[in-house]
Amino acid sequence: MEIIYSKYFVKRYKKLPQNIQKKFKERLGLFIGDDDNGLLNIHSLRGEFTGKYSFNVNADYRVIYDYNKNDEIAVLIDIGTHSELYS
């Protein structure tokens, strides 16, 4: 699977606390290796994010991404707390 980072994602990622950045890197490894891993809690989104997906970084932080199954490309769109992303 190829991972592409949007400019917005990179900007938001750089502002995260170091411990969340580290946890993201761990979860990204899981995502790339086994996107069916239950720890990720991958699910499709609704509303303004219809057609996009989310996975858990920890209990509060999420990553929103778009996935093209044919090309096996995941575009990471945003990262933040549940309330930051879905408010």
PDB file of N, CA and C in Angstrom:
ATOM      1  N   MET A   1       0.841  -1.175   0.000  1.00  0.00           N
ATOM      2  CA  MET A   1       0.000   0.000   0.000  1.00  0.00           C
ATOM      3  C   MET A   1       0.894   1.248   0.000  1.00  0.00           C
ATOM      4  N   GLU A   2       0.535   2.179  -0.852  1.00  0.00           N
ATOM      5  CA  GLU A   2       1.258   3.453  -0.909  1.00  0.00           C
ATOM      6  C   GLU A   2       0.537   4.474  -0.034  1.00  0.00           C
ATOM      7  N   ILE A   3       1.292   5.251   0.727  1.00  0.00           N
ATOM      8  CA  ILE A   3       0.740   6.286   1.590  1.00  0.00           C
ATOM      9  C   ILE A   3       1.136   7.653   1.030  1.00  0.00           C
ATOM     10  N   ILE A   4       0.153   8.519   0.878  1.00  0.00           N
ATOM     11  CA  ILE A   4       0.384   9.894   0.447  1.00  0.00           C
ATOM     12  C   ILE A   4      -0.136  10.807   1.550  1.00  0.00           C
ATOM     13  N   TYR A   5       0.670  11.792   1.909  1.00  0.00           N
ATOM     14  CA  TYR A   5       0.296  12.741   2.952  1.00  0.00           C
ATOM     15  C   TYR A   5      -0.135  14.057   2.306  1.00  0.00           C
ATOM     16  N   SER A   6      -1.355  14.495   2.611  1.00  0.00           N
ATOM     17  CA  SER A   6      -1.780  15.807   2.108  1.00  0.00           C
ATOM     18  C   SER A   6      -0.989  16.893   2.833  1.00  0.00           C
ATOM     19  N   LYS A   7      -0.875  18.055   2.220  1.00  0.00           N
ATOM     20  CA  LYS A   7      -0.176  19.175   2.851  1.00  0.00           C
ATOM     21  C   LYS A   7      -0.840  19.546   4.174  1.00  0.00           C
ATOM     22  N   TYR A   8      -2.161  19.494   4.195  1.00  0.00           N
ATOM     23  CA  TYR A   8      -2.894  19.830   5.419  1.00  0.00           C
ATOM     24  C   TYR A   8      -2.570  18.831   6.524  1.00  0.00           C
ATOM     25  N   PHE A   9      -2.519  17.553   6.175  1.00  0.00           N
ATOM     26  CA  PHE A   9      -2.177  16.524   7.165  1.00  0.00           C
ATOM     27  C   PHE A   9      -0.799  16.802   7.766  1.00  0.00           C
ATOM     28  N   VAL A  10       0.179  17.079   6.924  1.00  0.00           N
ATOM     29  CA  VAL A  10       1.548  17.327   7.390  1.00  0.00           C
ATOM     30  C   VAL A  10       1.583  18.532   8.333  1.00  0.00           C
ATOM     31  N   LYS A  11       0.864  19.577   7.979  1.00  0.00           N
ATOM     32  CA  LYS A  11       0.808  20.779   8.814  1.00  0.00           C
ATOM     33  C   LYS A  11       0.223  20.455  10.190  1.00  0.00           C
ATOM     34  N   ARG A  12      -0.860  19.709  10.225  1.00  0.00           N
ATOM     35  CA  ARG A  12      -1.507  19.353  11.496  1.00  0.00           C
ATOM     36  C   ARG A  12      -0.632  18.381  12.299  1.00  0.00           C
ATOM     37  N   TYR A  13       0.003  17.441  11.621  1.00  0.00           N
ATOM     38  CA  TYR A  13       0.863  16.459  12.285  1.00  0.00           C
ATOM     39  C   TYR A  13       2.010  17.143  13.026  1.00  0.00           C
ATOM     40  N   LYS A  14       2.615  18.129  12.408  1.00  0.00           N
ATOM     41  CA  LYS A  14       3.755  18.823  13.009  1.00  0.00           C
ATOM     42  C   LYS A  14       3.385  19.541  14.305  1.00  0.00           C
ATOM     43  N   LYS A  15       2.121  19.870  14.490  1.00  0.00           N
ATOM     44  CA  LYS A  15       1.657  20.579  15.683  1.00  0.00           C
ATOM     45  C   LYS A  15       1.273  19.633  16.821  1.00  0.00           C
ATOM     46  N   LEU A  16       1.269  18.334  16.554  1.00  0.00           N
ATOM     47  CA  LEU A  16       0.868  17.358  17.572  1.00  0.00           C
ATOM     48  C   LEU A  16       1.954  17.189  18.632  1.00  0.00           C
ATOM     49  N   PRO A  17       1.557  16.815  19.850  1.00  0.00           N
ATOM     50  CA  PRO A  17       2.547  16.478  20.874  1.00  0.00           C
ATOM     51  C   PRO A  17       3.407  15.293  20.412  1.00  0.00           C
ATOM     52  N   GLN A  18       4.638  15.235  20.878  1.00  0.00           N
ATOM     53  CA  GLN A  18       5.570  14.177  20.474  1.00  0.00           C
ATOM     54  C   GLN A  18       5.023  12.778  20.738  1.00  0.00           C
ATOM     55  N   ASN A  19       4.356  12.594  21.880  1.00  0.00           N
ATOM     56  CA  ASN A  19       3.841  11.255  22.192  1.00  0.00           C
ATOM     57  C   ASN A  19       2.761  10.819  21.198  1.00  0.00           C
ATOM     58  N   ILE A  20       1.977  11.760  20.688  1.00  0.00           N
ATOM     59  CA  ILE A  20       0.947  11.423  19.689  1.00  0.00           C
ATOM     60  C   ILE A  20       1.609  11.147  18.342  1.00  0.00           C
ATOM     61  N   GLN A  21       2.638  11.904  17.992  1.00  0.00           N
ATOM     62  CA  GLN A  21       3.369  11.635  16.753  1.00  0.00           C
ATOM     63  C   GLN A  21       3.964  10.229  16.786  1.00  0.00           C
ATOM     64  N   LYS A  22       4.534   9.855  17.918  1.00  0.00           N
ATOM     65  CA  LYS A  22       5.122   8.515  18.058  1.00  0.00           C
ATOM     66  C   LYS A  22       4.044   7.439  17.931  1.00  0.00           C
ATOM     67  N   LYS A  23       2.899   7.647  18.585  1.00  0.00           N
ATOM     68  CA  LYS A  23       1.811   6.675  18.522  1.00  0.00           C
ATOM     69  C   LYS A  23       1.278   6.564  17.089  1.00  0.00           C
ATOM     70  N   PHE A  24       1.206   7.715  16.382  1.00  0.00           N
ATOM     71  CA  PHE A  24       0.765   7.679  14.991  1.00  0.00           C
ATOM     72  C   PHE A  24       1.686   6.792  14.158  1.00  0.00           C
ATOM     73  N   LYS A  25       2.993   6.953  14.332  1.00  0.00           N
ATOM     74  CA  LYS A  25       3.945   6.148  13.556  1.00  0.00           C
ATOM     75  C   LYS A  25       3.748   4.657  13.822  1.00  0.00           C
ATOM     76  N   GLU A  26       3.472   4.295  15.074  1.00  0.00           N
ATOM     77  CA  GLU A  26       3.207   2.894  15.410  1.00  0.00           C
ATOM     78  C   GLU A  26       1.951   2.399  14.699  1.00  0.00           C
ATOM     79  N   ARG A  27       0.883   3.209  14.768  1.00  0.00           N
ATOM     80  CA  ARG A  27      -0.383   2.804  14.152  1.00  0.00           C
ATOM     81  C   ARG A  27      -0.300   2.800  12.630  1.00  0.00           C
ATOM     82  N   LEU A  28       0.496   3.695  12.066  1.00  0.00           N
ATOM     83  CA  LEU A  28       0.678   3.697  10.620  1.00  0.00           C
ATOM     84  C   LEU A  28       1.340   2.395  10.178  1.00  0.00           C
ATOM     85  N   GLY A  29       2.298   1.915  10.971  1.00  0.00           N
ATOM     86  CA  GLY A  29       2.930   0.629  10.673  1.00  0.00           C
ATOM     87  C   GLY A  29       1.919  -0.499  10.668  1.00  0.00           C
ATOM     88  N   LEU A  30       1.004  -0.485  11.643  1.00  0.00           N
ATOM     89  CA  LEU A  30      -0.073  -1.492  11.675  1.00  0.00           C
ATOM     90  C   LEU A  30      -0.959  -1.357  10.441  1.00  0.00           C
ATOM     91  N   PHE A  31      -1.311  -0.130  10.113  1.00  0.00           N
ATOM     92  CA  PHE A  31      -2.193   0.151   8.982  1.00  0.00           C
ATOM     93  C   PHE A  31      -1.596  -0.370   7.680  1.00  0.00           C
ATOM     94  N   ILE A  32      -0.315  -0.125   7.486  1.00  0.00           N
ATOM     95  CA  ILE A  32       0.351  -0.574   6.259  1.00  0.00           C
ATOM     96  C   ILE A  32       0.466  -2.092   6.234  1.00  0.00           C
ATOM     97  N   GLY A  33       0.785  -2.688   7.371  1.00  0.00           N
ATOM     98  CA  GLY A  33       0.999  -4.134   7.425  1.00  0.00           C
ATOM     99  C   GLY A  33      -0.268  -4.962   7.495  1.00  0.00           C
ATOM    100  N   ASP A  34      -1.288  -4.443   8.175  1.00  0.00           N
ATOM    101  CA  ASP A  34      -2.510  -5.218   8.390  1.00  0.00           C
ATOM    102  C   ASP A  34      -3.659  -4.264   8.646  1.00  0.00           C
ATOM    103  N   ASP A  35      -4.266  -3.767   7.581  1.00  0.00           N
ATOM    104  CA  ASP A  35      -5.325  -2.778   7.766  1.00  0.00           C
ATOM    105  C   ASP A  35      -6.620  -3.370   8.334  1.00  0.00           C
ATOM    106  N   ASP A  36      -6.630  -4.667   8.630  1.00  0.00           N
ATOM    107  CA  ASP A  36      -7.771  -5.293   9.305  1.00  0.00           C
ATOM    108  C   ASP A  36      -7.544  -5.395  10.807  1.00  0.00           C
ATOM    109  N   ASN A  37      -6.428  -4.874  11.306  1.00  0.00           N
ATOM    110  CA  ASN A  37      -6.117  -4.967  12.723  1.00  0.00           C
ATOM    111  C   ASN A  37      -7.183  -4.239  13.541  1.00  0.00           C
ATOM    112  N   GLY A  38      -7.740  -4.923  14.527  1.00  0.00           N
ATOM    113  CA  GLY A  38      -8.815  -4.371  15.353  1.00  0.00           C
ATOM    114  C   GLY A  38      -8.419  -3.137  16.143  1.00  0.00           C
ATOM    115  N   LEU A  39      -7.138  -2.977  16.452  1.00  0.00           N
ATOM    116  CA  LEU A  39      -6.688  -1.796  17.194  1.00  0.00           C
ATOM    117  C   LEU A  39      -6.933  -0.505  16.420  1.00  0.00           C
ATOM    118  N   LEU A  40      -6.969  -0.605  15.111  1.00  0.00           N
ATOM    119  CA  LEU A  40      -7.146   0.579  14.271  1.00  0.00           C
ATOM    120  C   LEU A  40      -8.599   1.056  14.230  1.00  0.00           C
ATOM    121  N   ASN A  41      -9.531   0.158  14.456  1.00  0.00           N
ATOM    122  CA  ASN A  41     -10.958   0.482  14.394  1.00  0.00           C
ATOM    123  C   ASN A  41     -11.304   1.250  13.114  1.00  0.00           C
ATOM    124  N   ILE A  42     -10.882   0.728  11.991  1.00  0.00           N
ATOM    125  CA  ILE A  42     -11.145   1.372  10.700  1.00  0.00           C
ATOM    126  C   ILE A  42     -12.642   1.334  10.408  1.00  0.00           C
ATOM    127  N   HIS A  43     -13.159   2.491  10.011  1.00  0.00           N
ATOM    128  CA  HIS A  43     -14.575   2.562   9.664  1.00  0.00           C
ATOM    129  C   HIS A  43     -14.806   3.667   8.644  1.00  0.00           C
ATOM    130  N   SER A  44     -15.870   3.499   7.857  1.00  0.00           N
ATOM    131  CA  SER A  44     -16.228   4.520   6.878  1.00  0.00           C
ATOM    132  C   SER A  44     -16.944   5.658   7.599  1.00  0.00           C
ATOM    133  N   LEU A  45     -16.857   6.828   6.998  1.00  0.00           N
ATOM    134  CA  LEU A  45     -17.434   8.020   7.615  1.00  0.00           C
ATOM    135  C   LEU A  45     -18.676   8.472   6.859  1.00  0.00           C
ATOM    136  N   ARG A  46     -19.458   9.310   7.524  1.00  0.00           N
ATOM    137  CA  ARG A  46     -20.692   9.849   6.940  1.00  0.00           C
ATOM    138  C   ARG A  46     -20.629  11.365   6.956  1.00  0.00           C
ATOM    139  N   GLY A  47     -21.707  11.963   6.507  1.00  0.00           N
ATOM    140  CA  GLY A  47     -21.803  13.420   6.525  1.00  0.00           C
ATOM    141  C   GLY A  47     -20.829  14.057   5.560  1.00  0.00           C
ATOM    142  N   GLU A  48     -20.130  15.101   6.024  1.00  0.00           N
ATOM    143  CA  GLU A  48     -19.200  15.807   5.141  1.00  0.00           C
ATOM    144  C   GLU A  48     -18.023  14.936   4.721  1.00  0.00           C
ATOM    145  N   PHE A  49     -17.791  13.818   5.425  1.00  0.00           N
ATOM    146  CA  PHE A  49     -16.684  12.915   5.103  1.00  0.00           C
ATOM    147  C   PHE A  49     -17.154  11.625   4.416  1.00  0.00           C
ATOM    148  N   THR A  50     -18.330  11.630   3.831  1.00  0.00           N
ATOM    149  CA  THR A  50     -18.839  10.448   3.137  1.00  0.00           C
ATOM    150  C   THR A  50     -17.830  10.013   2.068  1.00  0.00           C
ATOM    151  N   GLY A  51     -17.535   8.716   2.059  1.00  0.00           N
ATOM    152  CA  GLY A  51     -16.569   8.175   1.103  1.00  0.00           C
ATOM    153  C   GLY A  51     -15.157   8.122   1.650  1.00  0.00           C
ATOM    154  N   LYS A  52     -14.952   8.695   2.832  1.00  0.00           N
ATOM    155  CA  LYS A  52     -13.643   8.681   3.482  1.00  0.00           C
ATOM    156  C   LYS A  52     -13.677   7.662   4.627  1.00  0.00           C
ATOM    157  N   TYR A  53     -12.501   7.396   5.184  1.00  0.00           N
ATOM    158  CA  TYR A  53     -12.365   6.422   6.272  1.00  0.00           C
ATOM    159  C   TYR A  53     -11.578   7.028   7.414  1.00  0.00           C
ATOM    160  N   SER A  54     -11.632   6.354   8.559  1.00  0.00           N
ATOM    161  CA  SER A  54     -10.906   6.806   9.732  1.00  0.00           C
ATOM    162  C   SER A  54     -10.260   5.619  10.423  1.00  0.00           C
ATOM    163  N   PHE A  55      -9.085   5.868  11.046  1.00  0.00           N
ATOM    164  CA  PHE A  55      -8.523   4.870  11.957  1.00  0.00           C
ATOM    165  C   PHE A  55      -8.038   5.553  13.219  1.00  0.00           C
ATOM    166  N   ASN A  56      -8.026   4.794  14.305  1.00  0.00           N
ATOM    167  CA  ASN A  56      -7.653   5.319  15.610  1.00  0.00           C
ATOM    168  C   ASN A  56      -6.144   5.372  15.778  1.00  0.00           C
ATOM    169  N   VAL A  57      -5.667   6.483  16.328  1.00  0.00           N
ATOM    170  CA  VAL A  57      -4.278   6.598  16.760  1.00  0.00           C
ATOM    171  C   VAL A  57      -4.212   6.174  18.224  1.00  0.00           C
ATOM    172  N   ASN A  58      -5.151   6.697  19.012  1.00  0.00           N
ATOM    173  CA  ASN A  58      -5.332   6.272  20.399  1.00  0.00           C
ATOM    174  C   ASN A  58      -6.820   6.448  20.714  1.00  0.00           C
ATOM    175  N   ALA A  59      -7.157   6.525  21.982  1.00  0.00           N
ATOM    176  CA  ALA A  59      -8.575   6.618  22.344  1.00  0.00           C
ATOM    177  C   ALA A  59      -9.236   7.892  21.835  1.00  0.00           C
ATOM    178  N   ASP A  60      -8.474   8.966  21.645  1.00  0.00           N
ATOM    179  CA  ASP A  60      -9.072  10.236  21.236  1.00  0.00           C
ATOM    180  C   ASP A  60      -8.646  10.709  19.846  1.00  0.00           C
ATOM    181  N   TYR A  61      -7.441  10.407  19.416  1.00  0.00           N
ATOM    182  CA  TYR A  61      -6.933  10.901  18.133  1.00  0.00           C
ATOM    183  C   TYR A  61      -7.298   9.963  16.988  1.00  0.00           C
ATOM    184  N   ARG A  62      -7.657  10.577  15.853  1.00  0.00           N
ATOM    185  CA  ARG A  62      -8.061   9.842  14.659  1.00  0.00           C
ATOM    186  C   ARG A  62      -7.314  10.361  13.437  1.00  0.00           C
ATOM    187  N   VAL A  63      -7.228   9.513  12.420  1.00  0.00           N
ATOM    188  CA  VAL A  63      -6.716   9.905  11.107  1.00  0.00           C
ATOM    189  C   VAL A  63      -7.851   9.716  10.110  1.00  0.00           C
ATOM    190  N   ILE A  64      -8.103  10.734   9.307  1.00  0.00           N
ATOM    191  CA  ILE A  64      -9.082  10.637   8.226  1.00  0.00           C
ATOM    192  C   ILE A  64      -8.296  10.449   6.934  1.00  0.00           C
ATOM    193  N   TYR A  65      -8.731   9.480   6.138  1.00  0.00           N
ATOM    194  CA  TYR A  65      -8.022   9.198   4.891  1.00  0.00           C
ATOM    195  C   TYR A  65      -8.984   8.777   3.800  1.00  0.00           C
ATOM    196  N   ASP A  66      -8.500   8.864   2.583  1.00  0.00           N
ATOM    197  CA  ASP A  66      -9.224   8.391   1.408  1.00  0.00           C
ATOM    198  C   ASP A  66      -8.442   7.202   0.869  1.00  0.00           C
ATOM    199  N   TYR A  67      -9.150   6.200   0.377  1.00  0.00           N
ATOM    200  CA  TYR A  67      -8.473   4.985  -0.071  1.00  0.00           C
ATOM    201  C   TYR A  67      -8.951   4.583  -1.447  1.00  0.00           C
ATOM    202  N   ASN A  68      -8.011   4.376  -2.358  1.00  0.00           N
ATOM    203  CA  ASN A  68      -8.305   3.894  -3.697  1.00  0.00           C
ATOM    204  C   ASN A  68      -7.895   2.419  -3.751  1.00  0.00           C
ATOM    205  N   LYS A  69      -8.875   1.532  -3.692  1.00  0.00           N
ATOM    206  CA  LYS A  69      -8.585   0.088  -3.666  1.00  0.00           C
ATOM    207  C   LYS A  69      -7.865  -0.387  -4.924  1.00  0.00           C
ATOM    208  N   ASN A  70      -8.254   0.148  -6.077  1.00  0.00           N
ATOM    209  CA  ASN A  70      -7.651  -0.302  -7.333  1.00  0.00           C
ATOM    210  C   ASN A  70      -6.154  -0.043  -7.375  1.00  0.00           C
ATOM    211  N   ASP A  71      -5.747   1.136  -6.914  1.00  0.00           N
ATOM    212  CA  ASP A  71      -4.330   1.509  -6.942  1.00  0.00           C
ATOM    213  C   ASP A  71      -3.620   1.235  -5.626  1.00  0.00           C
ATOM    214  N   GLU A  72      -4.386   0.837  -4.597  1.00  0.00           N
ATOM    215  CA  GLU A  72      -3.861   0.613  -3.245  1.00  0.00           C
ATOM    216  C   GLU A  72      -3.095   1.833  -2.738  1.00  0.00           C
ATOM    217  N   ILE A  73      -3.768   2.982  -2.839  1.00  0.00           N
ATOM    218  CA  ILE A  73      -3.200   4.244  -2.375  1.00  0.00           C
ATOM    219  C   ILE A  73      -4.101   4.817  -1.289  1.00  0.00           C
ATOM    220  N   ALA A  74      -3.504   5.128  -0.143  1.00  0.00           N
ATOM    221  CA  ALA A  74      -4.215   5.802   0.937  1.00  0.00           C
ATOM    222  C   ALA A  74      -3.685   7.228   1.041  1.00  0.00           C
ATOM    223  N   VAL A  75      -4.592   8.194   0.948  1.00  0.00           N
ATOM    224  CA  VAL A  75      -4.222   9.600   1.085  1.00  0.00           C
ATOM    225  C   VAL A  75      -4.660  10.053   2.474  1.00  0.00           C
ATOM    226  N   LEU A  76      -3.684  10.370   3.324  1.00  0.00           N
ATOM    227  CA  LEU A  76      -3.988  10.837   4.669  1.00  0.00           C
ATOM    228  C   LEU A  76      -4.386  12.301   4.583  1.00  0.00           C
ATOM    229  N   ILE A  77      -5.593  12.605   5.032  1.00  0.00           N
ATOM    230  CA  ILE A  77      -6.183  13.923   4.851  1.00  0.00           C
ATOM    231  C   ILE A  77      -6.058  14.797   6.089  1.00  0.00           C
ATOM    232  N   ASP A  78      -6.339  14.226   7.259  1.00  0.00           N
ATOM    233  CA  ASP A  78      -6.355  15.018   8.485  1.00  0.00           C
ATOM    234  C   ASP A  78      -6.056  14.127   9.676  1.00  0.00           C
ATOM    235  N   ILE A  79      -5.578  14.747  10.759  1.00  0.00           N
ATOM    236  CA  ILE A  79      -5.323  14.056  12.008  1.00  0.00           C
ATOM    237  C   ILE A  79      -5.690  15.019  13.134  1.00  0.00           C
ATOM    238  N   GLY A  80      -6.307  14.499  14.168  1.00  0.00           N
ATOM    239  CA  GLY A  80      -6.677  15.333  15.307  1.00  0.00           C
ATOM    240  C   GLY A  80      -7.543  14.562  16.273  1.00  0.00           C
ATOM    241  N   THR A  81      -7.989  15.256  17.298  1.00  0.00           N
ATOM    242  CA  THR A  81      -8.872  14.616  18.272  1.00  0.00           C
ATOM    243  C   THR A  81     -10.236  14.415  17.636  1.00  0.00           C
ATOM    244  N   HIS A  82     -10.999  13.554  18.230  1.00  0.00           N
ATOM    245  CA  HIS A  82     -12.347  13.281  17.739  1.00  0.00           C
ATOM    246  C   HIS A  82     -13.153  14.580  17.656  1.00  0.00           C
ATOM    247  N   SER A  83     -13.095  15.391  18.696  1.00  0.00           N
ATOM    248  CA  SER A  83     -13.872  16.633  18.697  1.00  0.00           C
ATOM    249  C   SER A  83     -13.347  17.646  17.681  1.00  0.00           C
ATOM    250  N   GLU A  84     -12.051  17.686  17.431  1.00  0.00           N
ATOM    251  CA  GLU A  84     -11.503  18.599  16.424  1.00  0.00           C
ATOM    252  C   GLU A  84     -11.964  18.209  15.021  1.00  0.00           C
ATOM    253  N   LEU A  85     -12.007  16.936  14.748  1.00  0.00           N
ATOM    254  CA  LEU A  85     -12.334  16.471  13.398  1.00  0.00           C
ATOM    255  C   LEU A  85     -13.824  16.474  13.105  1.00  0.00           C
ATOM    256  N   TYR A  86     -14.633  16.154  14.091  1.00  0.00           N
ATOM    257  CA  TYR A  86     -16.055  15.934  13.825  1.00  0.00           C
ATOM    258  C   TYR A  86     -16.976  16.977  14.426  1.00  0.00           C
ATOM    259  N   SER A  87     -16.458  18.114  14.833  1.00  0.00           N
ATOM    260  CA  SER A  87     -17.326  19.156  15.421  1.00  0.00           C
ATOM    261  C   SER A  87     -17.836  20.104  14.372  1.00  0.00           C
TER     262      SER A  87
END
